[in-house]
């Protein structure tokens, strides 16, 4: 089992970690809109809650697209 761990460690140490600053921002926006939507539902404002849930889906999709785009872009570079 130690051999597998050392191989994984070597694999990840050899790669440079590429970071896209928009991915954490997208995650924060997604979490913030989700929280606001859940609060709206709890307060009984279902119309606003539904709108916020739709916005959350857009932010979440954009964040996943950024993650995939970054992985593709930086995967080609390293």
PDB file of N, CA and C in Angstrom:
ATOM      1  N   UNK A   1       0.827  -1.200   0.000  1.00  0.00           N
ATOM      2  CA  UNK A   1       0.000   0.000   0.000  1.00  0.00           C
ATOM      3  C   UNK A   1       0.866   1.256   0.000  1.00  0.00           C
ATOM      4  N   UNK A   2       2.041   1.190   0.643  1.00  0.00           N
ATOM      5  CA  UNK A   2       2.914   2.347   0.689  1.00  0.00           C
ATOM      6  C   UNK A   2       3.420   2.750  -0.685  1.00  0.00           C
ATOM      7  N   UNK A   3       3.561   1.740  -1.585  1.00  0.00           N
ATOM      8  CA  UNK A   3       4.024   2.026  -2.931  1.00  0.00           C
ATOM      9  C   UNK A   3       3.054   2.883  -3.715  1.00  0.00           C
ATOM     10  N   UNK A   4       1.773   2.614  -3.528  1.00  0.00           N
ATOM     11  CA  UNK A   4       0.745   3.389  -4.234  1.00  0.00           C
ATOM     12  C   UNK A   4       0.760   4.833  -3.748  1.00  0.00           C
ATOM     13  N   UNK A   5       0.857   5.019  -2.430  1.00  0.00           N
ATOM     14  CA  UNK A   5       0.882   6.379  -1.877  1.00  0.00           C
ATOM     15  C   UNK A   5       2.099   7.151  -2.352  1.00  0.00           C
ATOM     16  N   UNK A   6       3.249   6.502  -2.406  1.00  0.00           N
ATOM     17  CA  UNK A   6       4.448   7.211  -2.852  1.00  0.00           C
ATOM     18  C   UNK A   6       4.354   7.558  -4.334  1.00  0.00           C
ATOM     19  N   UNK A   7       3.736   6.674  -5.121  1.00  0.00           N
ATOM     20  CA  UNK A   7       3.561   6.979  -6.544  1.00  0.00           C
ATOM     21  C   UNK A   7       2.620   8.157  -6.746  1.00  0.00           C
ATOM     22  N   UNK A   8       1.533   8.192  -5.991  1.00  0.00           N
ATOM     23  CA  UNK A   8       0.603   9.319  -6.079  1.00  0.00           C
ATOM     24  C   UNK A   8       1.269  10.606  -5.632  1.00  0.00           C
ATOM     25  N   UNK A   9       2.059  10.536  -4.573  1.00  0.00           N
ATOM     26  CA  UNK A   9       2.753  11.719  -4.075  1.00  0.00           C
ATOM     27  C   UNK A   9       3.708  12.255  -5.136  1.00  0.00           C
ATOM     28  N   UNK A  10       4.446  11.355  -5.783  1.00  0.00           N
ATOM     29  CA  UNK A  10       5.366  11.778  -6.839  1.00  0.00           C
ATOM     30  C   UNK A  10       4.614  12.416  -8.003  1.00  0.00           C
ATOM     31  N   UNK A  11       3.487  11.821  -8.359  1.00  0.00           N
ATOM     32  CA  UNK A  11       2.693  12.342  -9.472  1.00  0.00           C
ATOM     33  C   UNK A  11       2.245  13.769  -9.195  1.00  0.00           C
ATOM     34  N   UNK A  12       1.747  14.023  -7.988  1.00  0.00           N
ATOM     35  CA  UNK A  12       1.243  15.352  -7.666  1.00  0.00           C
ATOM     36  C   UNK A  12       2.361  16.343  -7.377  1.00  0.00           C
ATOM     37  N   UNK A  13       3.511  15.890  -6.923  1.00  0.00           N
ATOM     38  CA  UNK A  13       4.620  16.813  -6.674  1.00  0.00           C
ATOM     39  C   UNK A  13       5.235  17.287  -7.975  1.00  0.00           C
ATOM     40  N   UNK A  14       5.199  16.455  -9.002  1.00  0.00           N
ATOM     41  CA  UNK A  14       5.785  16.829 -10.285  1.00  0.00           C
ATOM     42  C   UNK A  14       4.967  17.881 -11.015  1.00  0.00           C
ATOM     43  N   UNK A  15       3.677  17.914 -10.777  1.00  0.00           N
ATOM     44  CA  UNK A  15       2.806  18.860 -11.479  1.00  0.00           C
ATOM     45  C   UNK A  15       2.772  20.190 -10.744  1.00  0.00           C
ATOM     46  N   UNK A  16       2.770  21.240 -11.506  1.00  0.00           N
ATOM     47  CA  UNK A  16       2.575  22.561 -10.916  1.00  0.00           C
ATOM     48  C   UNK A  16       1.086  22.753 -10.693  1.00  0.00           C
ATOM     49  N   UNK A  17       0.756  23.351  -9.591  1.00  0.00           N
ATOM     50  CA  UNK A  17      -0.652  23.578  -9.290  1.00  0.00           C
ATOM     51  C   UNK A  17      -1.106  24.863  -9.967  1.00  0.00           C
ATOM     52  N   UNK A  18      -2.002  24.728 -10.900  1.00  0.00           N
ATOM     53  CA  UNK A  18      -2.553  25.874 -11.600  1.00  0.00           C
ATOM     54  C   UNK A  18      -3.836  26.287 -10.908  1.00  0.00           C
ATOM     55  N   UNK A  19      -3.985  27.567 -10.717  1.00  0.00           N
ATOM     56  CA  UNK A  19      -5.165  28.051 -10.021  1.00  0.00           C
ATOM     57  C   UNK A  19      -5.893  29.068 -10.880  1.00  0.00           C
ATOM     58  N   UNK A  20      -7.182  28.927 -10.902  1.00  0.00           N
ATOM     59  CA  UNK A  20      -8.028  29.902 -11.567  1.00  0.00           C
ATOM     60  C   UNK A  20      -8.757  30.655 -10.460  1.00  0.00           C
ATOM     61  N   UNK A  21      -8.502  31.941 -10.296  1.00  0.00           N
ATOM     62  CA  UNK A  21      -9.111  32.679  -9.180  1.00  0.00           C
ATOM     63  C   UNK A  21     -10.628  32.803  -9.292  1.00  0.00           C
ATOM     64  N   UNK A  22     -11.173  32.538 -10.463  1.00  0.00           N
ATOM     65  CA  UNK A  22     -12.616  32.651 -10.626  1.00  0.00           C
ATOM     66  C   UNK A  22     -13.378  31.443 -10.086  1.00  0.00           C
ATOM     67  N   UNK A  23     -12.695  30.304  -9.935  1.00  0.00           N
ATOM     68  CA  UNK A  23     -13.372  29.108  -9.422  1.00  0.00           C
ATOM     69  C   UNK A  23     -13.794  29.302  -7.961  1.00  0.00           C
ATOM     70  N   UNK A  24     -12.905  29.738  -7.058  1.00  0.00           N
ATOM     71  CA  UNK A  24     -13.374  29.975  -5.683  1.00  0.00           C
ATOM     72  C   UNK A  24     -14.422  31.083  -5.607  1.00  0.00           C
ATOM     73  N   UNK A  25     -14.281  32.096  -6.446  1.00  0.00           N
ATOM     74  CA  UNK A  25     -15.273  33.170  -6.480  1.00  0.00           C
ATOM     75  C   UNK A  25     -16.636  32.616  -6.900  1.00  0.00           C
ATOM     76  N   UNK A  26     -16.652  31.774  -7.910  1.00  0.00           N
ATOM     77  CA  UNK A  26     -17.892  31.156  -8.356  1.00  0.00           C
ATOM     78  C   UNK A  26     -18.509  30.277  -7.275  1.00  0.00           C
ATOM     79  N   UNK A  27     -17.651  29.562  -6.545  1.00  0.00           N
ATOM     80  CA  UNK A  27     -18.151  28.713  -5.454  1.00  0.00           C
ATOM     81  C   UNK A  27     -18.764  29.565  -4.347  1.00  0.00           C
ATOM     82  N   UNK A  28     -18.130  30.673  -4.024  1.00  0.00           N
ATOM     83  CA  UNK A  28     -18.677  31.572  -2.998  1.00  0.00           C
ATOM     84  C   UNK A  28     -19.997  32.191  -3.444  1.00  0.00           C
ATOM     85  N   UNK A  29     -20.051  32.612  -4.698  1.00  0.00           N
ATOM     86  CA  UNK A  29     -21.300  33.176  -5.219  1.00  0.00           C
ATOM     87  C   UNK A  29     -22.423  32.134  -5.199  1.00  0.00           C
ATOM     88  N   UNK A  30     -22.090  30.914  -5.593  1.00  0.00           N
ATOM     89  CA  UNK A  30     -23.078  29.839  -5.586  1.00  0.00           C
ATOM     90  C   UNK A  30     -23.592  29.597  -4.173  1.00  0.00           C
ATOM     91  N   UNK A  31     -22.678  29.505  -3.219  1.00  0.00           N
ATOM     92  CA  UNK A  31     -23.078  29.263  -1.830  1.00  0.00           C
ATOM     93  C   UNK A  31     -23.892  30.429  -1.277  1.00  0.00           C
ATOM     94  N   UNK A  32     -23.515  31.649  -1.625  1.00  0.00           N
ATOM     95  CA  UNK A  32     -24.243  32.823  -1.140  1.00  0.00           C
ATOM     96  C   UNK A  32     -25.656  32.886  -1.675  1.00  0.00           C
ATOM     97  N   UNK A  33     -25.819  32.614  -2.964  1.00  0.00           N
ATOM     98  CA  UNK A  33     -27.155  32.651  -3.557  1.00  0.00           C
ATOM     99  C   UNK A  33     -27.996  31.497  -3.030  1.00  0.00           C
ATOM    100  N   UNK A  34     -27.375  30.336  -2.832  1.00  0.00           N
ATOM    101  CA  UNK A  34     -28.095  29.203  -2.251  1.00  0.00           C
ATOM    102  C   UNK A  34     -28.609  29.547  -0.860  1.00  0.00           C
ATOM    103  N   UNK A  35     -27.754  30.147  -0.043  1.00  0.00           N
ATOM    104  CA  UNK A  35     -28.146  30.537   1.309  1.00  0.00           C
ATOM    105  C   UNK A  35     -29.286  31.553   1.274  1.00  0.00           C
ATOM    106  N   UNK A  36     -29.165  32.548   0.422  1.00  0.00           N
ATOM    107  CA  UNK A  36     -30.220  33.555   0.305  1.00  0.00           C
ATOM    108  C   UNK A  36     -31.531  32.922  -0.154  1.00  0.00           C
ATOM    109  N   UNK A  37     -31.452  31.977  -1.080  1.00  0.00           N
ATOM    110  CA  UNK A  37     -32.650  31.301  -1.552  1.00  0.00           C
ATOM    111  C   UNK A  37     -33.320  30.481  -0.462  1.00  0.00           C
ATOM    112  N   UNK A  38     -32.510  29.771   0.311  1.00  0.00           N
ATOM    113  CA  UNK A  38     -33.076  28.969   1.400  1.00  0.00           C
ATOM    114  C   UNK A  38     -33.711  29.854   2.472  1.00  0.00           C
ATOM    115  N   UNK A  39     -33.085  30.990   2.747  1.00  0.00           N
ATOM    116  CA  UNK A  39     -33.666  31.936   3.713  1.00  0.00           C
ATOM    117  C   UNK A  39     -34.991  32.474   3.186  1.00  0.00           C
ATOM    118  N   UNK A  40     -35.042  32.776   1.891  1.00  0.00           N
ATOM    119  CA  UNK A  40     -36.289  33.272   1.299  1.00  0.00           C
ATOM    120  C   UNK A  40     -37.408  32.243   1.408  1.00  0.00           C
ATOM    121  N   UNK A  41     -37.078  30.988   1.128  1.00  0.00           N
ATOM    122  CA  UNK A  41     -38.091  29.934   1.260  1.00  0.00           C
ATOM    123  C   UNK A  41     -38.574  29.820   2.702  1.00  0.00           C
ATOM    124  N   UNK A  42     -37.644  29.905   3.624  1.00  0.00           N
ATOM    125  CA  UNK A  42     -38.004  29.774   5.040  1.00  0.00           C
ATOM    126  C   UNK A  42     -38.902  30.927   5.497  1.00  0.00           C
ATOM    127  N   UNK A  43     -38.686  32.104   4.943  1.00  0.00           N
ATOM    128  CA  UNK A  43     -39.496  33.268   5.308  1.00  0.00           C
ATOM    129  C   UNK A  43     -40.825  33.298   4.567  1.00  0.00           C
ATOM    130  N   UNK A  44     -41.041  32.338   3.676  1.00  0.00           N
ATOM    131  CA  UNK A  44     -42.306  32.255   2.975  1.00  0.00           C
ATOM    132  C   UNK A  44     -42.357  32.983   1.649  1.00  0.00           C
ATOM    133  N   UNK A  45     -41.258  33.521   1.195  1.00  0.00           N
ATOM    134  CA  UNK A  45     -41.215  34.231  -0.081  1.00  0.00           C
ATOM    135  C   UNK A  45     -40.755  33.258  -1.166  1.00  0.00           C
ATOM    136  N   UNK A  46     -41.670  32.408  -1.609  1.00  0.00           N
ATOM    137  CA  UNK A  46     -41.298  31.352  -2.541  1.00  0.00           C
ATOM    138  C   UNK A  46     -40.950  31.896  -3.934  1.00  0.00           C
ATOM    139  N   UNK A  47     -41.556  33.010  -4.323  1.00  0.00           N
ATOM    140  CA  UNK A  47     -41.255  33.580  -5.652  1.00  0.00           C
ATOM    141  C   UNK A  47     -39.787  34.022  -5.727  1.00  0.00           C
ATOM    142  N   UNK A  48     -39.322  34.738  -4.705  1.00  0.00           N
ATOM    143  CA  UNK A  48     -37.925  35.159  -4.673  1.00  0.00           C
ATOM    144  C   UNK A  48     -37.003  33.945  -4.536  1.00  0.00           C
ATOM    145  N   UNK A  49     -37.421  32.988  -3.720  1.00  0.00           N
ATOM    146  CA  UNK A  49     -36.617  31.779  -3.540  1.00  0.00           C
ATOM    147  C   UNK A  49     -36.413  31.036  -4.845  1.00  0.00           C
ATOM    148  N   UNK A  50     -37.464  30.936  -5.661  1.00  0.00           N
ATOM    149  CA  UNK A  50     -37.351  30.267  -6.953  1.00  0.00           C
ATOM    150  C   UNK A  50     -36.399  31.013  -7.893  1.00  0.00           C
ATOM    151  N   UNK A  51     -36.486  32.329  -7.893  1.00  0.00           N
ATOM    152  CA  UNK A  51     -35.584  33.127  -8.738  1.00  0.00           C
ATOM    153  C   UNK A  51     -34.131  32.927  -8.297  1.00  0.00           C
ATOM    154  N   UNK A  52     -33.913  32.920  -6.989  1.00  0.00           N
ATOM    155  CA  UNK A  52     -32.556  32.733  -6.485  1.00  0.00           C
ATOM    156  C   UNK A  52     -32.027  31.330  -6.798  1.00  0.00           C
ATOM    157  N   UNK A  53     -32.895  30.338  -6.770  1.00  0.00           N
ATOM    158  CA  UNK A  53     -32.459  28.984  -7.115  1.00  0.00           C
ATOM    159  C   UNK A  53     -32.072  28.890  -8.587  1.00  0.00           C
ATOM    160  N   UNK A  54     -32.760  29.615  -9.437  1.00  0.00           N
ATOM    161  CA  UNK A  54     -32.398  29.642 -10.860  1.00  0.00           C
ATOM    162  C   UNK A  54     -31.050  30.326 -11.064  1.00  0.00           C
ATOM    163  N   UNK A  55     -30.826  31.416 -10.328  1.00  0.00           N
ATOM    164  CA  UNK A  55     -29.538  32.107 -10.401  1.00  0.00           C
ATOM    165  C   UNK A  55     -28.425  31.195  -9.889  1.00  0.00           C
ATOM    166  N   UNK A  56     -28.729  30.433  -8.839  1.00  0.00           N
ATOM    167  CA  UNK A  56     -27.742  29.499  -8.291  1.00  0.00           C
ATOM    168  C   UNK A  56     -27.322  28.482  -9.340  1.00  0.00           C
ATOM    169  N   UNK A  57     -28.279  27.974 -10.097  1.00  0.00           N
ATOM    170  CA  UNK A  57     -27.964  26.985 -11.129  1.00  0.00           C
ATOM    171  C   UNK A  57     -27.029  27.598 -12.177  1.00  0.00           C
ATOM    172  N   UNK A  58     -27.261  28.842 -12.531  1.00  0.00           N
ATOM    173  CA  UNK A  58     -26.398  29.522 -13.507  1.00  0.00           C
ATOM    174  C   UNK A  58     -24.987  29.677 -12.947  1.00  0.00           C
ATOM    175  N   UNK A  59     -24.871  30.147 -11.704  1.00  0.00           N
ATOM    176  CA  UNK A  59     -23.549  30.301 -11.084  1.00  0.00           C
ATOM    177  C   UNK A  59     -22.848  28.954 -10.943  1.00  0.00           C
ATOM    178  N   UNK A  60     -23.599  27.942 -10.558  1.00  0.00           N
ATOM    179  CA  UNK A  60     -23.012  26.627 -10.378  1.00  0.00           C
ATOM    180  C   UNK A  60     -22.518  26.070 -11.718  1.00  0.00           C
ATOM    181  N   UNK A  61     -23.301  26.234 -12.755  1.00  0.00           N
ATOM    182  CA  UNK A  61     -22.881  25.780 -14.080  1.00  0.00           C
ATOM    183  C   UNK A  61     -21.656  26.530 -14.580  1.00  0.00           C
ATOM    184  N   UNK A  62     -21.622  27.832 -14.335  1.00  0.00           N
ATOM    185  CA  UNK A  62     -20.455  28.626 -14.752  1.00  0.00           C
ATOM    186  C   UNK A  62     -19.206  28.192 -13.989  1.00  0.00           C
ATOM    187  N   UNK A  63     -19.361  27.890 -12.715  1.00  0.00           N
ATOM    188  CA  UNK A  63     -18.217  27.448 -11.912  1.00  0.00           C
ATOM    189  C   UNK A  63     -17.689  26.112 -12.409  1.00  0.00           C
ATOM    190  N   UNK A  64     -18.579  25.183 -12.704  1.00  0.00           N
ATOM    191  CA  UNK A  64     -18.150  23.885 -13.228  1.00  0.00           C
ATOM    192  C   UNK A  64     -17.480  24.062 -14.592  1.00  0.00           C
ATOM    193  N   UNK A  65     -18.024  24.935 -15.425  1.00  0.00           N
ATOM    194  CA  UNK A  65     -17.414  25.196 -16.726  1.00  0.00           C
ATOM    195  C   UNK A  65     -16.010  25.785 -16.559  1.00  0.00           C
ATOM    196  N   UNK A  66     -15.840  26.681 -15.590  1.00  0.00           N
ATOM    197  CA  UNK A  66     -14.511  27.239 -15.320  1.00  0.00           C
ATOM    198  C   UNK A  66     -13.539  26.157 -14.850  1.00  0.00           C
ATOM    199  N   UNK A  67     -14.026  25.266 -14.013  1.00  0.00           N
ATOM    200  CA  UNK A  67     -13.172  24.177 -13.527  1.00  0.00           C
ATOM    201  C   UNK A  67     -12.736  23.285 -14.683  1.00  0.00           C
ATOM    202  N   UNK A  68     -13.671  22.913 -15.536  1.00  0.00           N
ATOM    203  CA  UNK A  68     -13.343  22.060 -16.672  1.00  0.00           C
ATOM    204  C   UNK A  68     -12.426  22.780 -17.662  1.00  0.00           C
ATOM    205  N   UNK A  69     -12.717  24.048 -17.913  1.00  0.00           N
ATOM    206  CA  UNK A  69     -11.871  24.824 -18.817  1.00  0.00           C
ATOM    207  C   UNK A  69     -10.456  24.979 -18.295  1.00  0.00           C
ATOM    208  N   UNK A  70     -10.329  25.220 -17.006  1.00  0.00           N
ATOM    209  CA  UNK A  70      -8.999  25.345 -16.397  1.00  0.00           C
ATOM    210  C   UNK A  70      -8.245  24.026 -16.468  1.00  0.00           C
ATOM    211  N   UNK A  71      -8.935  22.931 -16.174  1.00  0.00           N
ATOM    212  CA  UNK A  71      -8.289  21.617 -16.224  1.00  0.00           C
ATOM    213  C   UNK A  71      -7.817  21.308 -17.640  1.00  0.00           C
ATOM    214  N   UNK A  72      -8.633  21.629 -18.624  1.00  0.00           N
ATOM    215  CA  UNK A  72      -8.241  21.391 -20.014  1.00  0.00           C
ATOM    216  C   UNK A  72      -7.073  22.283 -20.416  1.00  0.00           C
ATOM    217  N   UNK A  73      -7.183  23.570 -20.096  1.00  0.00           N
ATOM    218  CA  UNK A  73      -6.152  24.530 -20.491  1.00  0.00           C
ATOM    219  C   UNK A  73      -4.809  24.195 -19.848  1.00  0.00           C
ATOM    220  N   UNK A  74      -4.803  24.013 -18.544  1.00  0.00           N
ATOM    221  CA  UNK A  74      -3.548  23.743 -17.843  1.00  0.00           C
ATOM    222  C   UNK A  74      -3.078  22.313 -18.044  1.00  0.00           C
ATOM    223  N   UNK A  75      -3.997  21.412 -18.361  1.00  0.00           N
ATOM    224  CA  UNK A  75      -3.593  20.033 -18.652  1.00  0.00           C
ATOM    225  C   UNK A  75      -2.771  19.964 -19.918  1.00  0.00           C
ATOM    226  N   UNK A  76      -3.052  20.828 -20.868  1.00  0.00           N
ATOM    227  CA  UNK A  76      -2.288  20.874 -22.105  1.00  0.00           C
ATOM    228  C   UNK A  76      -0.914  21.508 -21.882  1.00  0.00           C
ATOM    229  N   UNK A  77      -0.798  22.397 -20.920  1.00  0.00           N
ATOM    230  CA  UNK A  77       0.450  23.142 -20.709  1.00  0.00           C
ATOM    231  C   UNK A  77       1.499  22.309 -19.963  1.00  0.00           C
ATOM    232  N   UNK A  78       1.049  21.441 -19.043  1.00  0.00           N
ATOM    233  CA  UNK A  78       2.026  20.749 -18.193  1.00  0.00           C
ATOM    234  C   UNK A  78       2.235  19.330 -18.634  1.00  0.00           C
TER     235      UNK A  78
END
